Amino acid sequence: MAPWCTVQYSTVKPAEINSESILKCITAIVAAASRTTILAQSRAENVVCGHHEIVRTKVIESKGDLMDRRNFLSGSLAASALSLATTGNLPAQVASTADQSAPEYMDLRRYHLASGPGVKLTTAFFSDAFIPALNRLGIGPVGAFSVYLGPDSPSYYLLMPSSKLETLVTTDLELAKDDVFMKAAAPFWDAPAATPPYVRIESSLLRAFPGYPKVTPPASAATRGKRIYQLRQYQSPTNMDHVRKVEMFHNGEFGFFAKAGATGVFYADTLVGPNLPNLTYMLSFPDMPSLEADWEKFSADPDWKKLSADSRFNLDPPTVSNITSLVLRPLACSQV
């Protein structure tokens, strides 16, 4: 029978659930992980941020070698809550703005739109109200994109990076206190329910890879030069496959993309969102011919071929079970 490590850190009534209680929940996971031997296959179960907050970490015996905690913890919180232990003391990291090497958090939002006046209204909301207000909260650079090649058009994507997790999870509440924002946002924010400017908004919480900790706009963004973006998501069949794929990026793939000519904007774990476990990353190119040519260079790179043939990553079935890929164009108001 595999052992259980159970931690009950506090009791929070449902009415008291807020960003602070969520952070307490995450902190409890980190504490449990730091006291638990992590083998090649470990998982966290029954994490409830409600009336009964119990964190249970089950250690599963494996034939594999004992993993180094630091290697394991480069994985996804959502894929396995234990992987947040890579941050060490999470609240201290969230509170720190001085450590420029700390990975950023990102809120990646997708606005499902319908053809018609809602598109123009959403564009004006981004440029005149939302992005300036996000910058006042310390969130930025903010990326705003339309779908150029991909399903469900028209859709807009908004990339909101911040060094502070709590800033992201309380953004809408803080915006409601901003009189300048509320006045500028009124046509969108207070649109009649019968004629909303969007169909739905989806949001995913991401955390940048330690090896690529910051959102990095291409140089052309500063001059509003011609550029396109590719947003890719790699979904893995298991938690350990996800961890291996993250490790593959840290073993050279950042550099292989740069060598091929692609500009990495961000590489991140998806902590909260659909299709877990997965990682998401964004590349920038001058245009579609450059995108196609750079991918050919990447695929032909002998160093990448050597890495992809490594027995740690060349598995059957593979570490990635599904890939989604979109080509995006920046809106005029985009800071990325």
Protein backbone atom coordinates (compact mmCIF):
# COMPACT_ATOMS: atom_id res chain seq x y z
CA MET A 1 0.00 0.00 0.00
CA ALA A 2 1.46 3.34 -1.02
CA PRO A 3 1.74 5.91 1.80
CA TRP A 4 -0.39 9.04 2.00
CA CYS A 5 0.82 12.42 3.19
CA THR A 6 -2.20 14.41 4.41
CA VAL A 7 -2.07 18.09 5.33
CA GLN A 8 -5.03 20.07 6.67
CA TYR A 9 -3.87 23.67 6.79
CA SER A 10 -7.05 25.61 7.59
CA THR A 11 -10.79 25.74 7.22
CA VAL A 12 -12.16 28.29 4.80
CA LYS A 13 -15.89 28.69 4.39
CA PRO A 14 -17.13 28.78 0.79
CA ALA A 15 -18.09 32.44 1.14
CA GLU A 16 -14.50 33.24 2.09
CA ILE A 17 -12.88 31.68 -0.96
CA ASN A 18 -10.72 34.31 -2.62
CA SER A 19 -7.25 34.76 -4.07
CA GLU A 20 -5.70 34.53 -0.59
CA SER A 21 -7.35 31.19 0.17
CA ILE A 22 -6.35 29.87 -3.24
CA LEU A 23 -2.74 30.85 -2.54
CA LYS A 24 -2.98 29.07 0.84
CA CYS A 25 -4.15 25.98 -0.97
CA ILE A 26 -1.19 26.13 -3.34
CA THR A 27 1.18 26.77 -0.44
CA ALA A 28 -0.11 23.64 1.32
CA ILE A 29 0.63 21.61 -1.79
CA VAL A 30 4.17 22.96 -1.82
CA ALA A 31 4.61 22.11 1.87
CA ALA A 32 3.35 18.58 1.32
CA ALA A 33 5.64 18.12 -1.65
CA SER A 34 8.70 19.28 0.28
CA ARG A 35 8.17 16.53 2.87
CA THR A 36 7.36 13.76 0.44
CA THR A 37 9.74 11.51 -1.46
CA ILE A 38 8.81 11.86 -5.10
CA LEU A 39 9.28 8.81 -7.27
CA ALA A 40 9.08 8.53 -11.03
CA GLN A 41 5.30 8.54 -10.94
CA SER A 42 3.67 10.78 -8.33
CA ARG A 43 0.46 12.68 -8.25
CA ALA A 44 -1.59 14.96 -6.03
CA GLU A 45 -5.22 14.12 -5.42
CA ASN A 46 -8.27 15.61 -3.75
CA VAL A 47 -7.15 19.23 -3.56
CA VAL A 48 -10.21 21.22 -2.49
CA CYS A 49 -10.19 24.98 -1.85
CA GLY A 50 -13.52 24.99 -0.03
CA HIS A 51 -14.98 24.08 3.34
CA HIS A 52 -12.66 21.09 3.82
CA GLU A 53 -9.19 21.75 2.51
CA ILE A 54 -7.23 18.50 2.51
CA VAL A 55 -4.09 18.06 0.45
CA ARG A 56 -3.32 14.37 -0.12
CA THR A 57 -0.14 13.35 -1.90
CA LYS A 58 0.03 9.71 -2.86
CA VAL A 59 3.46 8.24 -3.56
CA ILE A 60 3.23 5.45 -6.11
CA GLU A 61 5.94 2.83 -6.30
CA SER A 62 7.69 2.73 -9.66
CA LYS A 63 10.28 0.59 -11.35
CA GLY A 64 12.00 3.75 -12.57
CA ASP A 65 14.89 5.44 -10.84
CA LEU A 66 14.31 7.88 -8.02
CA MET A 67 13.84 11.30 -9.59
CA ASP A 68 15.61 14.41 -8.48
CA ARG A 69 12.92 16.69 -7.06
CA ARG A 70 14.19 19.68 -8.94
CA ASN A 71 13.95 17.88 -12.28
CA PHE A 72 10.44 16.63 -11.57
CA LEU A 73 9.23 19.98 -10.40
CA SER A 74 9.71 21.63 -13.79
CA GLY A 75 6.36 20.06 -14.68
CA SER A 76 2.86 21.55 -14.60
CA LEU A 77 0.84 22.44 -11.50
CA ALA A 78 -2.34 21.49 -13.27
CA ALA A 79 -0.82 18.30 -14.62
CA SER A 80 0.46 17.50 -11.15
CA ALA A 81 0.07 19.98 -8.31
CA LEU A 82 3.34 18.80 -6.82
CA SER A 83 5.29 20.44 -9.60
CA LEU A 84 4.70 23.86 -8.08
CA ALA A 85 7.37 22.96 -5.54
CA THR A 86 9.90 24.19 -8.11
CA THR A 87 9.00 27.69 -6.89
CA GLY A 88 10.15 26.85 -3.35
CA ASN A 89 8.32 29.35 -1.17
CA LEU A 90 5.50 30.38 -3.53
CA PRO A 91 4.09 33.31 -1.52
CA ALA A 92 7.59 34.77 -1.17
CA GLN A 93 8.12 34.47 -4.90
CA VAL A 94 4.76 36.04 -5.70
CA ALA A 95 5.53 38.94 -3.38
CA SER A 96 8.98 39.55 -4.82
CA THR A 97 9.38 41.99 -7.68
CA ALA A 98 13.13 42.32 -7.31
CA ASP A 99 14.03 38.86 -8.61
CA GLN A 100 14.03 39.42 -12.35
CA SER A 101 14.82 35.74 -13.01
CA ALA A 102 11.58 34.50 -11.41
CA PRO A 103 9.21 33.05 -14.03
CA GLU A 104 6.26 35.22 -14.92
CA TYR A 105 2.64 34.18 -14.75
CA MET A 106 0.34 34.80 -17.70
CA ASP A 107 -3.38 35.02 -18.21
CA LEU A 108 -4.06 33.97 -21.81
CA ARG A 109 -7.60 34.96 -22.75
CA ARG A 110 -9.56 34.01 -25.82
CA TYR A 111 -12.50 36.18 -26.83
CA HIS A 112 -15.01 34.34 -29.00
CA LEU A 113 -16.58 37.00 -31.17
CA ALA A 114 -19.39 37.14 -33.70
CA SER A 115 -19.11 39.04 -36.95
CA GLY A 116 -20.69 42.45 -36.60
CA PRO A 117 -20.39 45.49 -34.33
CA GLY A 118 -19.03 43.44 -31.41
CA VAL A 119 -15.65 43.08 -33.15
CA LYS A 120 -15.19 46.84 -33.44
CA LEU A 121 -16.41 47.35 -29.88
CA THR A 122 -13.96 44.78 -28.51
CA THR A 123 -11.07 46.33 -30.46
CA ALA A 124 -11.86 49.75 -29.00
CA PHE A 125 -12.20 48.26 -25.50
CA PHE A 126 -8.72 46.72 -25.74
CA SER A 127 -7.00 49.87 -27.02
CA ASP A 128 -8.84 52.62 -25.13
CA ALA A 129 -9.65 50.99 -21.79
CA PHE A 130 -8.35 47.50 -21.05
CA ILE A 131 -4.67 47.58 -22.01
CA PRO A 132 -3.97 51.02 -20.43
CA ALA A 133 -5.66 49.85 -17.22
CA LEU A 134 -3.70 46.59 -17.20
CA ASN A 135 -0.49 48.59 -17.53
CA ARG A 136 -1.51 50.69 -14.52
CA LEU A 137 -1.78 47.43 -12.54
CA GLY A 138 1.76 46.50 -13.58
CA ILE A 139 0.64 43.92 -16.17
CA GLY A 140 2.54 44.03 -19.43
CA PRO A 141 3.66 44.04 -22.11
CA VAL A 142 0.15 43.05 -23.18
CA GLY A 143 -0.27 41.15 -26.42
CA ALA A 144 -3.48 41.52 -28.43
CA PHE A 145 -4.03 39.34 -31.48
CA SER A 146 -6.61 38.29 -34.04
CA VAL A 147 -6.75 34.81 -35.53
CA TYR A 148 -5.23 34.75 -39.02
CA LEU A 149 -5.17 30.98 -39.57
CA GLY A 150 -7.16 28.73 -37.27
CA PRO A 151 -10.66 27.73 -36.19
CA ASP A 152 -13.44 29.82 -34.65
CA SER A 153 -12.77 33.09 -36.42
CA PRO A 154 -13.41 35.84 -35.50
CA SER A 155 -11.56 35.44 -32.21
CA TYR A 156 -9.15 37.66 -30.31
CA TYR A 157 -6.39 36.51 -27.96
CA LEU A 158 -5.05 38.62 -25.11
CA LEU A 159 -1.73 37.81 -23.40
CA MET A 160 -1.39 39.34 -19.92
CA PRO A 161 1.96 38.70 -18.16
CA SER A 162 2.76 39.62 -14.55
CA SER A 163 5.41 38.77 -11.98
CA LYS A 164 2.65 38.63 -9.35
CA LEU A 165 0.15 35.78 -9.40
CA GLU A 166 -2.34 37.60 -7.19
CA THR A 167 -2.40 40.56 -9.58
CA LEU A 168 -3.66 38.29 -12.35
CA VAL A 169 -6.28 36.45 -10.32
CA THR A 170 -7.76 39.71 -8.96
CA THR A 171 -7.52 41.76 -12.17
CA ASP A 172 -11.24 42.16 -12.84
CA LEU A 173 -11.96 43.06 -9.21
CA GLU A 174 -9.23 45.72 -9.25
CA LEU A 175 -10.42 47.13 -12.57
CA ALA A 176 -13.87 47.71 -11.09
CA LYS A 177 -12.21 50.16 -8.65
CA ASP A 178 -10.51 52.10 -11.47
CA ASP A 179 -12.76 55.05 -12.35
CA VAL A 180 -10.78 55.90 -15.47
CA PHE A 181 -11.14 52.35 -16.72
CA MET A 182 -14.84 52.11 -15.87
CA LYS A 183 -15.61 55.27 -17.82
CA ALA A 184 -13.62 54.24 -20.89
CA ALA A 185 -14.85 50.64 -20.76
CA ALA A 186 -18.55 51.41 -20.30
CA PRO A 187 -19.70 50.63 -23.89
CA PHE A 188 -18.12 47.15 -23.63
CA TRP A 189 -18.29 46.50 -19.88
CA ASP A 190 -21.95 47.55 -19.59
CA ALA A 191 -23.19 46.31 -22.97
CA PRO A 192 -26.85 45.13 -22.94
CA ALA A 193 -27.22 41.42 -22.17
CA ALA A 194 -29.32 41.04 -25.29
CA THR A 195 -26.45 42.28 -27.49
CA PRO A 196 -23.15 41.31 -25.82
CA PRO A 197 -19.94 42.26 -27.68
CA TYR A 198 -18.59 38.70 -27.41
CA VAL A 199 -19.94 35.16 -27.33
CA ARG A 200 -17.70 33.84 -24.52
CA ILE A 201 -14.33 34.47 -22.88
CA GLU A 202 -11.96 31.58 -22.08
CA SER A 203 -9.00 32.05 -19.76
CA SER A 204 -5.94 29.90 -19.05
CA LEU A 205 -3.37 30.54 -16.32
CA LEU A 206 0.20 29.90 -17.46
CA ARG A 207 3.61 29.96 -15.78
CA ALA A 208 6.73 30.65 -17.83
CA PHE A 209 9.41 27.97 -18.01
CA PRO A 210 12.35 28.66 -15.66
CA GLY A 211 14.65 28.51 -18.70
CA TYR A 212 12.67 31.25 -20.47
CA PRO A 213 11.13 33.22 -17.61
CA LYS A 214 9.85 36.39 -19.30
CA VAL A 215 7.57 37.35 -22.18
CA THR A 216 9.96 38.63 -24.85
CA PRO A 217 8.41 40.65 -27.69
CA PRO A 218 10.25 40.61 -31.03
CA ALA A 219 12.23 43.75 -31.91
CA SER A 220 9.68 44.58 -34.61
CA ALA A 221 6.99 45.07 -31.93
CA ALA A 222 8.66 48.27 -30.72
CA THR A 223 8.38 49.84 -34.19
CA ARG A 224 5.05 48.16 -34.99
CA GLY A 225 6.77 46.40 -37.86
CA LYS A 226 5.34 43.58 -39.90
CA ARG A 227 5.10 40.36 -37.91
CA ILE A 228 2.95 37.32 -37.28
CA TYR A 229 2.78 34.89 -34.38
CA GLN A 230 2.33 31.17 -34.00
CA LEU A 231 0.59 29.97 -30.84
CA ARG A 232 1.19 26.27 -30.23
CA GLN A 233 0.00 23.89 -27.52
CA TYR A 234 1.43 20.42 -26.85
CA GLN A 235 -0.92 18.10 -24.98
CA SER A 236 0.61 15.04 -23.31
CA PRO A 237 -1.05 11.69 -22.54
CA THR A 238 0.31 11.53 -18.97
CA ASN A 239 1.85 13.80 -16.35
CA MET A 240 5.29 12.24 -16.74
CA ASP A 241 5.17 12.60 -20.52
CA HIS A 242 4.42 16.28 -19.98
CA VAL A 243 7.40 16.62 -17.63
CA ARG A 244 9.66 14.94 -20.19
CA LYS A 245 8.52 17.32 -22.92
CA VAL A 246 9.20 20.33 -20.68
CA GLU A 247 12.65 18.88 -20.01
CA MET A 248 13.25 18.58 -23.75
CA PHE A 249 12.71 22.32 -24.17
CA HIS A 250 15.22 23.00 -21.41
CA ASN A 251 17.75 20.70 -23.06
CA GLY A 252 18.15 22.81 -26.18
CA GLU A 253 14.89 23.55 -28.00
CA PHE A 254 14.88 27.25 -27.03
CA GLY A 255 18.21 27.65 -28.80
CA PHE A 256 17.23 25.50 -31.78
CA PHE A 257 14.26 27.77 -32.50
CA ALA A 258 16.45 30.87 -32.25
CA LYS A 259 19.09 29.32 -34.49
CA ALA A 260 16.42 28.59 -37.11
CA GLY A 261 15.34 32.24 -37.08
CA ALA A 262 12.17 32.04 -34.96
CA THR A 263 11.78 34.52 -32.11
CA GLY A 264 10.53 32.92 -28.90
CA VAL A 265 7.92 35.14 -27.23
CA PHE A 266 7.14 32.78 -24.33
CA TYR A 267 7.25 29.12 -23.32
CA ALA A 268 4.96 28.14 -20.45
CA ASP A 269 3.18 25.46 -18.48
CA THR A 270 -0.59 25.63 -18.44
CA LEU A 271 -1.50 25.59 -14.74
CA VAL A 272 -5.26 26.09 -15.07
CA GLY A 273 -7.25 25.60 -18.25
CA PRO A 274 -8.58 22.96 -20.65
CA ASN A 275 -6.80 19.95 -22.16
CA LEU A 276 -4.38 19.33 -19.30
CA PRO A 277 -1.58 18.41 -19.04
CA ASN A 278 -0.15 20.71 -21.68
CA LEU A 279 2.44 23.35 -22.42
CA THR A 280 1.90 26.44 -24.56
CA TYR A 281 4.39 28.58 -26.42
CA MET A 282 4.46 31.45 -28.91
CA LEU A 283 6.91 32.17 -31.73
CA SER A 284 7.19 35.28 -33.91
CA PHE A 285 8.09 35.54 -37.60
CA PRO A 286 8.15 38.39 -40.11
CA ASP A 287 5.63 36.66 -42.41
CA MET A 288 4.25 33.29 -43.53
CA PRO A 289 7.16 32.41 -45.89
CA SER A 290 9.56 33.02 -42.97
CA LEU A 291 7.45 30.82 -40.70
CA GLU A 292 7.56 27.92 -43.15
CA ALA A 293 11.28 28.36 -43.91
CA ASP A 294 12.27 28.59 -40.23
CA TRP A 295 10.33 25.43 -39.37
CA GLU A 296 12.16 23.60 -42.15
CA LYS A 297 15.48 24.77 -40.69
CA PHE A 298 14.40 23.67 -37.22
CA SER A 299 13.35 20.21 -38.41
CA ALA A 300 16.62 19.75 -40.31
CA ASP A 301 18.87 20.86 -37.43
CA PRO A 302 21.21 17.94 -36.60
CA ASP A 303 21.30 18.98 -32.94
CA TRP A 304 17.50 18.84 -32.73
CA LYS A 305 17.49 15.46 -34.47
CA LYS A 306 20.00 14.18 -31.93
CA LEU A 307 17.94 15.49 -29.01
CA SER A 308 14.66 14.10 -30.37
CA ALA A 309 16.30 10.68 -30.83
CA ASP A 310 17.44 10.60 -27.17
CA SER A 311 15.90 7.62 -25.38
CA ARG A 312 14.52 9.94 -22.69
CA PHE A 313 12.28 11.66 -25.22
CA ASN A 314 11.88 9.27 -28.16
CA LEU A 315 9.15 7.11 -26.66
CA ASP A 316 6.38 4.93 -28.05
CA PRO A 317 3.71 6.21 -27.64
CA PRO A 318 5.21 9.71 -27.89
CA THR A 319 5.28 12.32 -25.13
CA VAL A 320 2.91 14.57 -27.11
CA SER A 321 -0.52 13.18 -28.02
CA ASN A 322 -2.04 16.26 -29.66
CA ILE A 323 -0.80 19.58 -31.06
CA THR A 324 -2.86 22.69 -31.72
CA SER A 325 -1.41 25.52 -33.79
CA LEU A 326 -2.77 28.97 -34.63
CA VAL A 327 -1.31 31.81 -36.66
CA LEU A 328 -2.12 35.21 -35.16
CA ARG A 329 -1.75 38.79 -36.27
CA PRO A 330 -1.18 41.62 -33.77
CA LEU A 331 -3.85 44.25 -33.32
CA ALA A 332 -2.75 47.87 -33.62
CA CYS A 333 -2.88 48.20 -29.82
CA SER A 334 -0.67 45.14 -29.14
CA GLN A 335 2.48 45.73 -27.08
CA VAL A 336 3.93 42.37 -28.19
